[in-house]
Amino acid sequence: MAQFDVGLVHRLADQMEGIASDIKKHVNSPDQLKQDIKRMNSVVESFQTLTQAASQSGSNPIANQNDVV
């Protein structure tokens, strides 16, 4: 069974939060917003990959010291 990396989920969530903060502070043009949306999509794709891997392992993960087993 593949481990579900909760630490990675937290890091991705922090990245998403940072992108949203950047949008609120710095976006002044459609091109800047497009670049931030690309970054957000990349993070979302990483979340999807993690959840698909967990689903395919056929288990219900349990958190244990920032890792799910």
C-alpha atoms as a PDB file:
ATOM      1  CA  MET A   1       0.000   0.000   0.000  1.00  0.00           C
ATOM      2  CA  ALA A   2       1.331   3.440  -0.924  1.00  0.00           C
ATOM      3  CA  GLN A   3       1.568   5.930   1.899  1.00  0.00           C
ATOM      4  CA  PHE A   4      -0.534   9.061   1.758  1.00  0.00           C
ATOM      5  CA  ASP A   5       1.861  11.938   2.444  1.00  0.00           C
ATOM      6  CA  VAL A   6       0.004  14.376   4.685  1.00  0.00           C
ATOM      7  CA  GLY A   7       3.113  16.556   4.881  1.00  0.00           C
ATOM      8  CA  LEU A   8       3.000  16.984   1.108  1.00  0.00           C
ATOM      9  CA  VAL A   9      -0.692  17.869   1.309  1.00  0.00           C
ATOM     10  CA  HIS A  10       0.150  20.563   3.864  1.00  0.00           C
ATOM     11  CA  ARG A  11       2.936  21.955   1.681  1.00  0.00           C
ATOM     12  CA  LEU A  12       0.642  22.048  -1.348  1.00  0.00           C
ATOM     13  CA  ALA A  13      -2.047  23.780   0.704  1.00  0.00           C
ATOM     14  CA  ASP A  14       0.526  26.367   1.806  1.00  0.00           C
ATOM     15  CA  GLN A  15       1.462  26.924  -1.848  1.00  0.00           C
ATOM     16  CA  MET A  16      -2.193  27.391  -2.772  1.00  0.00           C
ATOM     17  CA  GLU A  17      -2.617  29.861   0.072  1.00  0.00           C
ATOM     18  CA  GLY A  18       0.470  31.757  -1.087  1.00  0.00           C
ATOM     19  CA  ILE A  19      -0.830  31.959  -4.640  1.00  0.00           C
ATOM     20  CA  ALA A  20      -4.186  33.290  -3.438  1.00  0.00           C
ATOM     21  CA  SER A  21      -2.399  35.881  -1.317  1.00  0.00           C
ATOM     22  CA  ASP A  22      -0.287  36.919  -4.312  1.00  0.00           C
ATOM     23  CA  ILE A  23      -3.430  37.353  -6.378  1.00  0.00           C
ATOM     24  CA  LYS A  24      -4.959  39.622  -3.764  1.00  0.00           C
ATOM     25  CA  LYS A  25      -1.803  41.716  -3.428  1.00  0.00           C
ATOM     26  CA  HIS A  26      -0.172  41.855  -6.841  1.00  0.00           C
ATOM     27  CA  VAL A  27      -2.418  41.011  -9.769  1.00  0.00           C
ATOM     28  CA  ASN A  28      -2.812  44.024 -12.016  1.00  0.00           C
ATOM     29  CA  SER A  29      -3.406  42.443 -15.392  1.00  0.00           C
ATOM     30  CA  PRO A  30      -5.093  39.456 -17.020  1.00  0.00           C
ATOM     31  CA  ASP A  31      -1.671  38.019 -17.900  1.00  0.00           C
ATOM     32  CA  GLN A  32      -0.555  38.027 -14.267  1.00  0.00           C
ATOM     33  CA  LEU A  33      -3.809  36.354 -13.267  1.00  0.00           C
ATOM     34  CA  LYS A  34      -3.351  33.736 -15.999  1.00  0.00           C
ATOM     35  CA  GLN A  35       0.074  32.840 -14.606  1.00  0.00           C
ATOM     36  CA  ASP A  36      -1.324  32.484 -11.085  1.00  0.00           C
ATOM     37  CA  ILE A  37      -4.155  30.303 -12.370  1.00  0.00           C
ATOM     38  CA  LYS A  38      -1.576  28.051 -14.061  1.00  0.00           C
ATOM     39  CA  ARG A  39       0.229  27.735 -10.732  1.00  0.00           C
ATOM     40  CA  MET A  40      -3.059  26.918  -8.976  1.00  0.00           C
ATOM     41  CA  ASN A  41      -3.898  24.286 -11.579  1.00  0.00           C
ATOM     42  CA  SER A  42      -0.530  22.668 -11.014  1.00  0.00           C
ATOM     43  CA  VAL A  43      -1.208  22.419  -7.270  1.00  0.00           C
ATOM     44  CA  VAL A  44      -4.710  21.057  -7.887  1.00  0.00           C
ATOM     45  CA  GLU A  45      -3.293  18.419 -10.250  1.00  0.00           C
ATOM     46  CA  SER A  46      -0.872  17.384  -7.510  1.00  0.00           C
ATOM     47  CA  PHE A  47      -3.786  17.035  -5.071  1.00  0.00           C
ATOM     48  CA  GLN A  48      -5.659  14.941  -7.625  1.00  0.00           C
ATOM     49  CA  THR A  49      -2.667  12.674  -8.187  1.00  0.00           C
ATOM     50  CA  LEU A  50      -2.340  12.100  -4.442  1.00  0.00           C
ATOM     51  CA  THR A  51      -6.014  11.289  -3.981  1.00  0.00           C
ATOM     52  CA  GLN A  52      -6.096   8.980  -6.999  1.00  0.00           C
ATOM     53  CA  ALA A  53      -3.102   7.052  -5.705  1.00  0.00           C
ATOM     54  CA  ALA A  54      -4.761   6.698  -2.301  1.00  0.00           C
ATOM     55  CA  SER A  55      -8.034   5.574  -3.881  1.00  0.00           C
ATOM     56  CA  GLN A  56      -6.278   3.004  -6.056  1.00  0.00           C
ATOM     57  CA  SER A  57      -4.512   1.537  -3.054  1.00  0.00           C
ATOM     58  CA  GLY A  58      -7.940   0.486  -1.775  1.00  0.00           C
ATOM     59  CA  SER A  59      -7.398   1.642   1.758  1.00  0.00           C
ATOM     60  CA  ASN A  60      -8.767   4.210   4.107  1.00  0.00           C
ATOM     61  CA  PRO A  61      -5.637   5.998   5.288  1.00  0.00           C
ATOM     62  CA  ILE A  62      -5.092   6.830   8.963  1.00  0.00           C
ATOM     63  CA  ALA A  63      -2.951   9.768  10.111  1.00  0.00           C
ATOM     64  CA  ASN A  64       0.131   8.823  12.129  1.00  0.00           C
ATOM     65  CA  GLN A  65       2.746  11.501  12.871  1.00  0.00           C
ATOM     66  CA  ASN A  66       2.049  13.536   9.738  1.00  0.00           C
ATOM     67  CA  ASP A  67       2.004  10.427   7.536  1.00  0.00           C
ATOM     68  CA  VAL A  68      -1.023   8.410   6.674  1.00  0.00           C
ATOM     69  CA  VAL A  69      -0.707   4.634   6.810  1.00  0.00           C
END
